[in-house]
Amino acid sequence: MLAFTKRELYICGALLLFLLVAPFVFVNFKLQLAFMLILIILAMTWNIQGGEMGYNSFGNIMFFGVGMYLCASMQIGLYFPLAEWTESGGEKTFVHEPDQYFKGLALGLAFAALIPPIIAGLIGYGILGLRGHYFAICTLGIGIASGELAGGIELIGAGQGMTAPPFPKGLGDLETRGEFLYFLCLILLVATFTFIRWLYTTRFRLVLNAIRDNEDKAEAMGIETMRYKITGWMISAFFCGLAGGLVGTMVGYIEPVEVAFDGREMGVFMVLMTILGGKGTLWGPIIGASAFHIFKESFWTLFLGWQYVALGVLIIVIVIYFPEGLMGYLREKKPEWFGEVIDEKDRKAQISLD
């Protein structure tokens, strides 16, 4: 069931109100806010597999990049020859009318949502039999291979990349474009959160946790673990593909290695943000992605050139001081915030016996 507690309603309502007014209050930071929403989506979807199921994947960047290329390619190919677009520099030769732009974007996002889960299902049968670091290394290789493959396809610009269709000029200025894309990201975030919160109330989450805790025992109990593992990865691929489609539209230029399949940054960020907030929780990835984005953007702005040093320090701090993430730290220090009742007399008695 999807019933919210009174506390959750207050928290969700306050956050939604803030996100609705944020682009009008922080006018100069619309793009950064939109990227923060995308990072939250990526962290929440990675958590399905990495946090709930215990399969740490570096391959979700593949679905992100595929969604990015699919969305732009369908938006272009619906009205213009894709090969000529990439060869001529896109918008320098072809111009989308407003109705063409929005119809193409809708179709592109539909393909970005549907094709990555199919890829995840096909690949999943081949690699989800691997466990632990073997699975992680395999998915890391898949992410790298995806960028190299995209870099060899001339139809989508090969190594030089391709431009995404620009926002129609007759519909407003950059502010209008920024608000439009921001609210698209917000709609996707709300849909992602609602679906994942519902998913975590079902038997599906219990099965994923059983796989994480002891997969062999789960199989011995008659659970078809492979089916659940593949389904979890397909769900992640669905939302990652949509997020990639929106990011490609926002940045306007898609390059295979540094933008679409950027496992060195975006692929690692998915993992780091989830660990920072707390794996295996609903709110951990949200908190972790928000804190990470604010930290990253601050250092990119104030200490340009030292930003990667700062991120390295952040990783060390997380591993040493917050191995369970911020949510785990708060649960330990303030268990009453999470509805846990602590009997101080019993706790002290246990300490004295130890």
Protein backbone atom coordinates (compact mmCIF):
# COMPACT_ATOMS: atom_id res chain seq x y z
CA MET A 1 0.00 0.00 0.00
CA LEU A 2 1.12 3.58 -0.68
CA ALA A 3 -0.34 5.32 2.38
CA PHE A 4 1.91 8.06 3.76
CA THR A 5 2.40 8.70 7.46
CA LYS A 6 1.66 12.18 8.71
CA ARG A 7 5.39 12.91 9.04
CA GLU A 8 6.06 11.73 5.49
CA LEU A 9 3.23 13.88 4.16
CA TYR A 10 4.71 16.96 5.83
CA ILE A 11 8.21 16.19 4.56
CA CYS A 12 7.10 15.37 1.01
CA GLY A 13 4.78 18.38 0.88
CA ALA A 14 7.49 20.76 2.09
CA LEU A 15 10.05 19.37 -0.35
CA LEU A 16 7.63 19.50 -3.27
CA LEU A 17 6.69 23.09 -2.44
CA PHE A 18 10.38 24.03 -2.29
CA LEU A 19 11.10 22.35 -5.62
CA LEU A 20 8.13 24.07 -7.25
CA VAL A 21 9.29 27.56 -6.28
CA ALA A 22 13.06 26.92 -6.46
CA PRO A 23 13.55 27.87 -10.15
CA PHE A 24 11.83 31.21 -9.53
CA VAL A 25 13.78 31.96 -6.35
CA PHE A 26 17.18 30.73 -7.54
CA VAL A 27 16.79 32.12 -11.05
CA ASN A 28 20.46 31.78 -12.00
CA PHE A 29 20.69 28.15 -10.90
CA LYS A 30 17.91 26.47 -12.89
CA LEU A 31 20.31 24.19 -14.75
CA GLN A 32 22.14 23.19 -11.56
CA LEU A 33 18.84 22.47 -9.83
CA ALA A 34 17.67 20.36 -12.79
CA PHE A 35 20.90 18.37 -12.67
CA MET A 36 20.41 17.82 -8.94
CA LEU A 37 17.01 16.29 -9.67
CA ILE A 38 18.60 14.02 -12.29
CA LEU A 39 21.29 12.92 -9.83
CA ILE A 40 18.63 12.06 -7.25
CA ILE A 41 16.84 9.92 -9.83
CA LEU A 42 20.06 8.12 -10.76
CA ALA A 43 20.93 7.49 -7.11
CA MET A 44 17.45 6.17 -6.29
CA THR A 45 17.46 3.80 -9.24
CA TRP A 46 21.00 2.56 -8.59
CA ASN A 47 19.94 1.82 -5.02
CA ILE A 48 17.43 -0.78 -6.25
CA GLN A 49 20.26 -3.00 -7.39
CA GLY A 50 23.23 -1.81 -5.36
CA GLY A 51 21.48 -1.13 -2.07
CA GLU A 52 18.44 -3.38 -1.90
CA MET A 53 19.81 -6.34 -3.86
CA GLY A 54 23.50 -6.04 -3.03
CA TYR A 55 24.69 -6.13 -6.66
CA ASN A 56 27.02 -3.15 -7.07
CA SER A 57 26.73 -2.14 -10.71
CA PHE A 58 28.85 0.30 -12.68
CA GLY A 59 26.87 -0.50 -15.81
CA ASN A 60 23.86 1.75 -15.25
CA ILE A 61 25.75 4.43 -17.15
CA MET A 62 25.07 2.33 -20.27
CA PHE A 63 21.30 2.83 -19.90
CA PHE A 64 21.85 6.52 -19.22
CA GLY A 65 23.88 6.95 -22.42
CA VAL A 66 21.58 4.81 -24.56
CA GLY A 67 18.62 6.89 -23.41
CA MET A 68 20.48 10.06 -24.30
CA TYR A 69 21.29 8.93 -27.84
CA LEU A 70 17.85 7.41 -28.42
CA CYS A 71 15.96 10.51 -27.37
CA ALA A 72 17.99 12.85 -29.58
CA SER A 73 18.08 10.42 -32.53
CA MET A 74 14.33 9.84 -32.53
CA GLN A 75 13.63 13.54 -32.14
CA ILE A 76 15.80 14.26 -35.18
CA GLY A 77 15.00 11.21 -37.30
CA LEU A 78 11.25 11.72 -37.04
CA TYR A 79 11.51 14.76 -39.36
CA PHE A 80 15.04 14.94 -40.83
CA PRO A 81 17.69 12.51 -42.14
CA LEU A 82 19.77 11.64 -39.07
CA ALA A 83 23.00 11.08 -41.04
CA GLU A 84 22.75 14.49 -42.70
CA TRP A 85 22.00 16.13 -39.36
CA THR A 86 25.11 14.75 -37.67
CA GLU A 87 27.27 15.50 -40.72
CA SER A 88 26.14 19.09 -41.16
CA GLY A 89 26.07 20.16 -37.53
CA GLY A 90 22.36 19.76 -36.93
CA GLU A 91 20.61 23.01 -36.19
CA LYS A 92 22.85 24.90 -38.64
CA THR A 93 20.96 23.21 -41.49
CA PHE A 94 17.69 21.86 -40.06
CA VAL A 95 15.24 23.69 -37.80
CA HIS A 96 12.45 22.06 -35.79
CA GLU A 97 9.12 23.80 -35.67
CA PRO A 98 7.59 23.96 -32.15
CA ASP A 99 5.14 21.11 -32.76
CA GLN A 100 7.93 19.02 -34.34
CA TYR A 101 10.19 19.67 -31.37
CA PHE A 102 7.67 18.62 -28.72
CA LYS A 103 6.29 15.64 -30.64
CA GLY A 104 9.81 14.46 -31.34
CA LEU A 105 10.82 14.95 -27.71
CA ALA A 106 7.82 12.92 -26.51
CA LEU A 107 8.65 10.10 -28.92
CA GLY A 108 12.33 10.26 -28.03
CA LEU A 109 11.64 10.00 -24.30
CA ALA A 110 9.29 7.06 -24.96
CA PHE A 111 12.10 5.19 -26.75
CA ALA A 112 14.59 6.23 -24.06
CA ALA A 113 12.30 4.62 -21.49
CA LEU A 114 11.48 1.41 -23.37
CA ILE A 115 14.70 0.31 -25.10
CA PRO A 116 17.14 0.35 -22.11
CA PRO A 117 15.01 -2.12 -20.07
CA ILE A 118 15.01 -4.49 -23.04
CA ILE A 119 18.81 -4.24 -23.22
CA ALA A 120 19.01 -4.77 -19.44
CA GLY A 121 16.87 -7.89 -19.72
CA LEU A 122 18.97 -9.37 -22.52
CA ILE A 123 22.30 -8.60 -20.88
CA GLY A 124 21.03 -9.60 -17.46
CA TYR A 125 20.61 -13.23 -18.47
CA GLY A 126 24.28 -13.28 -19.37
CA ILE A 127 25.94 -11.50 -16.45
CA LEU A 128 23.61 -11.61 -13.44
CA GLY A 129 24.90 -15.07 -12.68
CA LEU A 130 28.11 -13.35 -11.57
CA ARG A 131 28.40 -12.16 -7.98
CA GLY A 132 30.40 -9.73 -5.90
CA HIS A 133 33.37 -8.00 -7.47
CA TYR A 134 33.11 -10.18 -10.59
CA PHE A 135 29.74 -8.62 -11.37
CA ALA A 136 31.03 -5.10 -10.59
CA ILE A 137 34.04 -5.48 -12.88
CA CYS A 138 31.88 -6.92 -15.66
CA THR A 139 29.45 -4.00 -15.52
CA LEU A 140 32.38 -1.57 -15.46
CA GLY A 141 33.59 -3.12 -18.71
CA ILE A 142 30.10 -2.87 -20.22
CA GLY A 143 29.98 0.86 -19.50
CA ILE A 144 33.39 1.45 -21.09
CA ALA A 145 32.55 -0.73 -24.11
CA SER A 146 29.31 1.18 -24.66
CA GLY A 147 31.20 4.45 -25.07
CA GLU A 148 33.66 2.90 -27.47
CA LEU A 149 30.90 1.34 -29.56
CA ALA A 150 28.98 4.61 -29.78
CA GLY A 151 32.20 6.33 -30.82
CA GLY A 152 32.39 4.08 -33.88
CA ILE A 153 28.86 4.62 -35.23
CA GLU A 154 28.91 7.28 -37.93
CA LEU A 155 25.12 7.63 -37.99
CA ILE A 156 25.16 9.25 -34.54
CA GLY A 157 28.29 11.31 -35.10
CA ALA A 158 30.89 8.72 -34.03
CA GLY A 159 33.66 10.20 -31.90
CA GLN A 160 32.79 13.80 -32.65
CA GLY A 161 29.34 13.40 -31.12
CA MET A 162 26.06 14.96 -32.16
CA THR A 163 23.96 17.98 -31.28
CA ALA A 164 20.49 17.62 -29.83
CA PRO A 165 17.64 19.69 -31.31
CA PRO A 166 17.64 23.19 -29.74
CA PHE A 167 14.61 24.65 -28.01
CA PRO A 168 12.41 26.50 -30.57
CA LYS A 169 13.39 30.17 -30.67
CA GLY A 170 9.85 31.46 -31.06
CA LEU A 171 8.73 30.07 -27.70
CA GLY A 172 10.76 32.26 -25.39
CA ASP A 173 14.26 32.92 -24.15
CA LEU A 174 16.73 30.82 -22.19
CA GLU A 175 14.69 31.36 -19.02
CA THR A 176 11.67 29.69 -20.60
CA ARG A 177 13.79 26.79 -21.83
CA GLY A 178 15.35 26.37 -18.39
CA GLU A 179 11.97 26.32 -16.65
CA PHE A 180 10.53 23.85 -19.16
CA LEU A 181 13.40 21.40 -18.74
CA TYR A 182 13.48 21.85 -14.97
CA PHE A 183 9.82 20.93 -14.59
CA LEU A 184 10.26 17.93 -16.88
CA CYS A 185 13.00 16.74 -14.51
CA LEU A 186 10.77 17.44 -11.52
CA ILE A 187 7.90 15.42 -13.02
CA LEU A 188 10.28 12.51 -13.61
CA LEU A 189 11.60 12.78 -10.04
CA VAL A 190 8.10 12.71 -8.54
CA ALA A 191 7.15 9.72 -10.72
CA THR A 192 10.37 7.90 -9.80
CA PHE A 193 9.95 8.54 -6.08
CA THR A 194 6.29 7.50 -6.10
CA PHE A 195 6.99 4.28 -7.97
CA ILE A 196 10.03 3.30 -5.90
CA ARG A 197 8.27 4.06 -2.62
CA TRP A 198 5.41 1.82 -3.71
CA LEU A 199 7.89 -0.86 -4.82
CA TYR A 200 9.51 -0.83 -1.37
CA THR A 201 6.16 -1.67 0.25
CA THR A 202 5.75 -4.86 -1.78
CA ARG A 203 7.11 -8.38 -1.56
CA PHE A 204 9.55 -7.46 -4.32
CA ARG A 205 11.73 -5.52 -1.89
CA LEU A 206 11.74 -8.39 0.60
CA VAL A 207 12.95 -10.73 -2.13
CA LEU A 208 15.71 -8.31 -3.14
CA ASN A 209 16.82 -8.08 0.50
CA ALA A 210 16.82 -11.86 0.74
CA ILE A 211 19.08 -12.02 -2.32
CA ARG A 212 21.37 -9.44 -0.73
CA ASP A 213 21.56 -11.23 2.61
CA ASN A 214 21.97 -14.79 1.34
CA GLU A 215 21.19 -15.61 -2.27
CA ASP A 216 21.82 -19.33 -1.90
CA LYS A 217 19.28 -19.63 0.91
CA ALA A 218 16.79 -17.58 -1.10
CA GLU A 219 17.14 -20.02 -4.00
CA ALA A 220 16.83 -22.98 -1.64
CA MET A 221 13.51 -21.54 -0.44
CA GLY A 222 12.20 -21.65 -4.00
CA ILE A 223 12.68 -18.01 -4.98
CA GLU A 224 13.51 -17.50 -8.66
CA THR A 225 16.36 -15.10 -7.91
CA MET A 226 17.40 -14.59 -11.52
CA ARG A 227 13.93 -13.33 -12.46
CA TYR A 228 13.93 -10.81 -9.62
CA LYS A 229 17.48 -9.67 -10.35
CA ILE A 230 16.68 -9.05 -13.99
CA THR A 231 13.44 -7.26 -13.12
CA GLY A 232 15.27 -4.98 -10.68
CA TRP A 233 17.86 -4.09 -13.30
CA MET A 234 15.17 -3.43 -15.89
CA ILE A 235 13.40 -1.03 -13.53
CA SER A 236 16.67 0.84 -13.01
CA ALA A 237 17.25 0.93 -16.77
CA PHE A 238 13.80 2.41 -17.38
CA PHE A 239 14.39 5.46 -15.20
CA CYS A 240 18.08 5.80 -16.16
CA GLY A 241 17.10 5.93 -19.83
CA LEU A 242 14.56 8.68 -19.20
CA ALA A 243 17.10 10.62 -17.16
CA GLY A 244 19.63 10.29 -19.98
CA GLY A 245 17.11 11.55 -22.53
CA LEU A 246 16.45 14.67 -20.46
CA VAL A 247 20.15 15.33 -19.84
CA GLY A 248 20.90 15.11 -23.57
CA THR A 249 18.19 17.70 -24.20
CA MET A 250 19.59 19.95 -21.46
CA VAL A 251 23.25 19.89 -22.47
CA GLY A 252 22.49 20.09 -26.21
CA TYR A 253 25.60 18.16 -27.23
CA ILE A 254 26.11 14.41 -26.90
CA GLU A 255 29.63 12.99 -26.96
CA PRO A 256 30.07 9.24 -26.44
CA VAL A 257 32.82 9.01 -23.82
CA GLU A 258 32.75 12.29 -21.90
CA VAL A 259 28.99 12.92 -21.85
CA ALA A 260 26.77 9.92 -22.66
CA PHE A 261 28.80 7.01 -21.24
CA ASP A 262 30.89 8.93 -18.74
CA GLY A 263 31.55 6.10 -16.32
CA ARG A 264 34.56 7.93 -14.85
CA GLU A 265 32.30 10.58 -13.38
CA MET A 266 28.56 9.97 -13.72
CA GLY A 267 28.87 6.20 -13.35
CA VAL A 268 30.90 6.57 -10.15
CA PHE A 269 28.70 9.40 -8.90
CA MET A 270 25.66 7.08 -8.85
CA VAL A 271 27.46 4.76 -6.46
CA LEU A 272 29.04 7.47 -4.33
CA MET A 273 25.82 9.43 -3.84
CA THR A 274 23.93 6.35 -2.70
CA ILE A 275 26.66 5.31 -0.27
CA LEU A 276 26.86 8.85 1.09
CA GLY A 277 23.15 8.96 1.87
CA GLY A 278 22.75 5.33 2.90
CA LYS A 279 22.34 2.20 0.78
CA GLY A 280 19.18 0.19 1.11
CA THR A 281 16.96 3.08 2.24
CA LEU A 282 14.35 5.21 0.51
CA TRP A 283 15.59 8.62 1.62
CA GLY A 284 19.31 7.88 1.72
CA PRO A 285 19.92 8.33 -2.03
CA ILE A 286 17.87 11.54 -2.01
CA ILE A 287 19.89 13.03 0.85
CA GLY A 288 23.16 11.74 -0.55
CA ALA A 289 22.59 13.06 -4.08
CA SER A 290 21.49 16.48 -2.83
CA ALA A 291 24.45 16.84 -0.46
CA PHE A 292 26.87 15.55 -3.07
CA HIS A 293 25.62 17.93 -5.77
CA ILE A 294 25.82 20.95 -3.49
CA PHE A 295 29.32 19.94 -2.38
CA LYS A 296 30.47 19.31 -5.96
CA GLU A 297 29.07 22.54 -7.40
CA SER A 298 30.55 24.58 -4.54
CA PHE A 299 34.03 23.24 -5.19
CA TRP A 300 33.64 23.58 -8.97
CA THR A 301 32.81 27.25 -8.39
CA LEU A 302 35.13 28.22 -5.56
CA PHE A 303 38.13 25.91 -5.98
CA LEU A 304 38.30 25.11 -9.67
CA GLY A 305 41.29 22.87 -10.28
CA TRP A 306 41.06 21.22 -6.87
CA GLN A 307 37.59 19.77 -7.30
CA TYR A 308 38.76 16.21 -7.88
CA VAL A 309 41.01 16.39 -4.84
CA ALA A 310 37.98 17.45 -2.82
CA LEU A 311 35.90 14.58 -4.22
CA GLY A 312 38.69 12.15 -3.34
CA VAL A 313 38.73 13.46 0.23
CA LEU A 314 34.94 13.13 0.34
CA ILE A 315 35.17 9.46 -0.67
CA ILE A 316 37.73 8.79 2.08
CA VAL A 317 35.59 10.55 4.69
CA ILE A 318 32.49 8.57 3.65
CA VAL A 319 34.29 5.21 3.79
CA ILE A 320 35.93 5.88 7.17
CA TYR A 321 33.35 7.89 9.10
CA PHE A 322 30.03 7.10 7.36
CA PRO A 323 30.23 3.47 6.19
CA GLU A 324 26.44 3.18 6.62
CA GLY A 325 25.80 6.59 5.07
CA LEU A 326 24.19 9.65 6.59
CA MET A 327 20.95 7.75 7.18
CA GLY A 328 22.79 5.01 9.06
CA TYR A 329 24.61 7.62 11.16
CA LEU A 330 21.36 9.38 12.03
CA ARG A 331 19.62 6.10 12.82
CA GLU A 332 22.39 5.27 15.28
CA LYS A 333 22.45 8.69 16.92
CA LYS A 334 18.72 9.51 16.78
CA PRO A 335 16.79 6.22 16.58
CA GLU A 336 13.60 7.90 17.80
CA TRP A 337 13.49 9.87 14.54
CA PHE A 338 12.92 6.56 12.77
CA GLY A 339 10.20 5.30 15.07
CA GLU A 340 12.49 3.07 17.13
CA VAL A 341 11.71 2.89 20.86
CA ILE A 342 14.81 2.70 23.03
CA ASP A 343 14.57 1.30 26.56
CA GLU A 344 17.40 3.09 28.32
CA LYS A 345 17.35 0.73 31.33
CA ASP A 346 17.64 -2.31 29.08
CA ARG A 347 20.38 -0.68 27.00
CA LYS A 348 22.44 0.22 30.08
CA ALA A 349 21.96 -3.27 31.49
CA GLN A 350 23.33 -4.78 28.28
CA ILE A 351 26.30 -2.42 28.37
CA SER A 352 27.08 -3.31 31.99
CA LEU A 353 26.88 -7.05 31.21
CA ASP A 354 29.32 -6.62 28.35
